[in-house]
N, C-alpha and C. Protein backbone atom coordinates (compact mmCIF):
# COMPACT_ATOMS: atom_id res chain seq x y z
N MET A 1 86.62 111.84 104.76
CA MET A 1 87.89 111.49 105.36
C MET A 1 88.97 111.56 104.29
N SER A 2 90.10 112.13 104.65
CA SER A 2 91.21 112.27 103.72
C SER A 2 91.82 110.91 103.41
N LYS A 3 92.07 110.66 102.14
CA LYS A 3 92.66 109.40 101.71
C LYS A 3 94.17 109.50 101.58
N LYS A 4 94.74 110.64 101.94
CA LYS A 4 96.16 110.88 101.75
C LYS A 4 96.93 110.58 103.03
N ILE A 5 97.99 109.78 102.90
CA ILE A 5 98.87 109.51 104.03
C ILE A 5 99.91 110.61 104.08
N THR A 6 100.09 111.20 105.25
CA THR A 6 101.04 112.29 105.42
C THR A 6 102.08 111.90 106.47
N PRO A 7 103.23 112.56 106.47
CA PRO A 7 104.25 112.26 107.47
C PRO A 7 103.75 112.52 108.89
N ILE A 8 104.10 111.60 109.81
CA ILE A 8 103.76 111.76 111.23
C ILE A 8 105.00 111.42 112.05
N SER A 9 104.97 111.70 113.34
CA SER A 9 106.11 111.38 114.19
C SER A 9 106.18 109.87 114.43
N TYR A 10 107.36 109.40 114.68
CA TYR A 10 107.53 107.96 114.91
C TYR A 10 106.79 107.52 116.18
N LYS A 11 106.65 108.41 117.16
CA LYS A 11 105.97 108.06 118.41
C LYS A 11 104.49 107.75 118.17
N LEU A 12 103.86 108.54 117.32
CA LEU A 12 102.45 108.31 117.00
C LEU A 12 102.29 107.02 116.21
N PHE A 13 103.21 106.76 115.30
CA PHE A 13 103.15 105.53 114.51
C PHE A 13 103.34 104.30 115.40
N ILE A 14 104.21 104.42 116.40
CA ILE A 14 104.43 103.31 117.33
C ILE A 14 103.17 103.06 118.16
N LYS A 15 102.47 104.12 118.58
CA LYS A 15 101.20 103.94 119.31
C LYS A 15 100.21 103.14 118.47
N PHE A 16 100.15 103.47 117.18
CA PHE A 16 99.25 102.75 116.28
C PHE A 16 99.65 101.27 116.21
N LEU A 17 100.94 101.00 116.05
CA LEU A 17 101.40 99.61 115.93
C LEU A 17 101.11 98.83 117.21
N GLU A 18 101.30 99.45 118.36
CA GLU A 18 101.03 98.77 119.62
C GLU A 18 99.55 98.48 119.78
N MET A 19 98.70 99.36 119.27
CA MET A 19 97.25 99.10 119.29
C MET A 19 96.90 97.92 118.39
N GLN A 20 97.71 97.68 117.37
CA GLN A 20 97.49 96.57 116.44
C GLN A 20 98.10 95.26 116.93
N GLY A 21 98.74 95.28 118.10
CA GLY A 21 99.28 94.07 118.69
C GLY A 21 100.77 93.85 118.49
N PHE A 22 101.47 94.82 117.94
CA PHE A 22 102.91 94.70 117.77
C PHE A 22 103.61 95.00 119.09
N THR A 23 104.74 94.33 119.31
CA THR A 23 105.51 94.55 120.52
C THR A 23 106.95 94.91 120.17
N PHE A 24 107.55 95.70 121.04
CA PHE A 24 108.94 96.11 120.85
C PHE A 24 109.83 94.89 121.03
N SER A 25 110.72 94.67 120.08
CA SER A 25 111.63 93.53 120.13
C SER A 25 113.03 93.96 120.54
N ARG A 26 113.55 94.96 119.81
CA ARG A 26 114.91 95.41 120.10
C ARG A 26 115.16 96.75 119.43
N GLN A 27 116.34 97.30 119.68
CA GLN A 27 116.71 98.58 119.07
C GLN A 27 118.14 98.45 118.56
N LYS A 28 118.37 98.98 117.38
CA LYS A 28 119.72 99.03 116.83
C LYS A 28 119.96 100.46 116.36
N GLY A 29 120.79 101.17 117.11
CA GLY A 29 121.04 102.57 116.80
C GLY A 29 119.76 103.37 117.01
N ASP A 30 119.34 104.10 115.98
CA ASP A 30 118.10 104.87 116.09
C ASP A 30 116.93 104.20 115.37
N HIS A 31 116.99 102.87 115.24
CA HIS A 31 115.91 102.11 114.60
C HIS A 31 115.28 101.17 115.62
N LEU A 32 113.96 101.24 115.74
CA LEU A 32 113.21 100.38 116.65
C LEU A 32 112.63 99.22 115.84
N ILE A 33 112.70 98.02 116.40
CA ILE A 33 112.22 96.82 115.71
C ILE A 33 110.98 96.32 116.46
N TYR A 34 109.87 96.17 115.73
CA TYR A 34 108.62 95.67 116.29
C TYR A 34 108.22 94.38 115.60
N VAL A 35 107.68 93.44 116.38
CA VAL A 35 107.28 92.14 115.85
C VAL A 35 105.86 91.80 116.31
N LYS A 36 105.28 90.83 115.59
CA LYS A 36 103.95 90.33 115.92
C LYS A 36 103.86 88.90 115.40
N ASP A 37 103.18 88.03 116.14
CA ASP A 37 102.97 86.67 115.67
C ASP A 37 102.27 86.68 114.32
N ARG A 38 102.62 85.74 113.49
CA ARG A 38 102.05 85.54 112.15
C ARG A 38 102.42 86.63 111.15
N ILE A 39 103.23 87.58 111.53
CA ILE A 39 103.77 88.56 110.58
C ILE A 39 105.23 88.17 110.36
N LEU A 40 105.56 87.83 109.12
CA LEU A 40 106.86 87.26 108.83
C LEU A 40 108.02 88.22 109.02
N ARG A 41 107.84 89.46 108.60
CA ARG A 41 108.94 90.43 108.66
C ARG A 41 108.78 91.37 109.85
N PRO A 42 109.85 91.61 110.57
CA PRO A 42 109.77 92.63 111.63
C PRO A 42 109.66 94.02 111.01
N LEU A 43 109.00 94.93 111.71
CA LEU A 43 108.86 96.30 111.22
C LEU A 43 109.98 97.14 111.82
N VAL A 44 110.65 97.88 110.96
CA VAL A 44 111.76 98.72 111.39
C VAL A 44 111.29 100.17 111.33
N ILE A 45 111.30 100.83 112.50
CA ILE A 45 110.83 102.20 112.60
C ILE A 45 112.00 103.10 112.98
N PRO A 46 112.42 103.97 112.08
CA PRO A 46 113.49 104.92 112.45
C PRO A 46 112.92 106.00 113.36
N MET A 47 113.73 106.47 114.28
CA MET A 47 113.28 107.49 115.23
C MET A 47 113.46 108.88 114.62
N TYR A 48 112.61 109.19 113.64
CA TYR A 48 112.62 110.49 112.97
C TYR A 48 111.50 111.35 113.54
N ASP A 49 111.70 112.66 113.54
CA ASP A 49 110.63 113.56 113.96
C ASP A 49 109.41 113.38 113.06
N GLN A 50 109.64 113.24 111.77
CA GLN A 50 108.56 113.03 110.80
C GLN A 50 108.93 111.82 109.94
N LEU A 51 108.16 110.73 110.08
CA LEU A 51 108.39 109.56 109.24
C LEU A 51 107.95 109.86 107.81
N PRO A 52 108.80 109.62 106.83
CA PRO A 52 108.38 109.84 105.44
C PRO A 52 107.25 108.89 105.06
N VAL A 53 106.46 109.30 104.10
CA VAL A 53 105.29 108.54 103.66
C VAL A 53 105.69 107.14 103.18
N PHE A 54 106.81 107.02 102.45
CA PHE A 54 107.19 105.72 101.92
C PHE A 54 107.51 104.72 103.03
N ILE A 55 108.03 105.17 104.16
CA ILE A 55 108.30 104.27 105.28
C ILE A 55 106.99 103.81 105.92
N ILE A 56 106.05 104.73 106.06
CA ILE A 56 104.74 104.37 106.61
C ILE A 56 104.05 103.35 105.72
N LYS A 57 104.02 103.61 104.42
CA LYS A 57 103.36 102.70 103.48
C LYS A 57 104.01 101.33 103.46
N ASN A 58 105.34 101.29 103.44
CA ASN A 58 106.04 100.01 103.42
C ASN A 58 105.77 99.21 104.69
N ASN A 59 105.74 99.88 105.83
CA ASN A 59 105.48 99.17 107.08
C ASN A 59 104.03 98.70 107.16
N LEU A 60 103.09 99.49 106.66
CA LEU A 60 101.69 99.05 106.63
C LEU A 60 101.54 97.82 105.74
N ARG A 61 102.22 97.81 104.62
CA ARG A 61 102.17 96.66 103.70
C ARG A 61 102.77 95.43 104.36
N SER A 62 103.92 95.58 105.01
CA SER A 62 104.58 94.45 105.68
C SER A 62 103.73 93.92 106.83
N ALA A 63 103.00 94.80 107.50
CA ALA A 63 102.18 94.42 108.64
C ALA A 63 100.80 93.92 108.23
N CYS A 64 100.49 93.95 106.94
CA CYS A 64 99.17 93.54 106.43
C CYS A 64 98.05 94.36 107.07
N ILE A 65 98.28 95.66 107.18
CA ILE A 65 97.29 96.57 107.76
C ILE A 65 96.68 97.40 106.64
N ASP A 66 95.38 97.47 106.64
CA ASP A 66 94.62 98.20 105.65
C ASP A 66 94.83 99.72 105.81
N ARG A 67 94.93 100.41 104.70
CA ARG A 67 95.13 101.87 104.69
C ARG A 67 93.99 102.59 105.42
N GLU A 68 92.76 102.11 105.22
CA GLU A 68 91.59 102.73 105.86
C GLU A 68 91.66 102.62 107.38
N GLU A 69 92.15 101.48 107.86
CA GLU A 69 92.27 101.29 109.30
C GLU A 69 93.28 102.27 109.89
N TYR A 70 94.37 102.50 109.18
CA TYR A 70 95.39 103.46 109.61
C TYR A 70 94.82 104.88 109.63
N LEU A 71 94.12 105.25 108.58
CA LEU A 71 93.55 106.60 108.49
C LEU A 71 92.47 106.81 109.55
N LYS A 72 91.73 105.75 109.87
CA LYS A 72 90.71 105.84 110.93
C LYS A 72 91.37 106.13 112.28
N PHE A 73 92.53 105.52 112.54
CA PHE A 73 93.27 105.76 113.78
C PHE A 73 93.70 107.23 113.87
N LEU A 74 94.15 107.80 112.77
CA LEU A 74 94.62 109.18 112.79
C LEU A 74 93.50 110.17 113.03
N LYS A 75 92.30 109.82 112.64
CA LYS A 75 91.17 110.72 112.81
C LYS A 75 90.67 110.69 114.20
């Protein structure tokens, strides 16, 4: 399994977050805000065709989601 995180569409990333229990809270411009109980910071997802790797990594860190779990979803 590839250990490298690559850019993906925001729609696919949102599917992953919803599978992890996150819910849509609100939208401001082209940024979607997702929240989950016991996660202190809301996740901000810009509506880009391809989310840059640094945004994916920062949101995974904020959501306390393991990299392996994310990569397993993509496979």
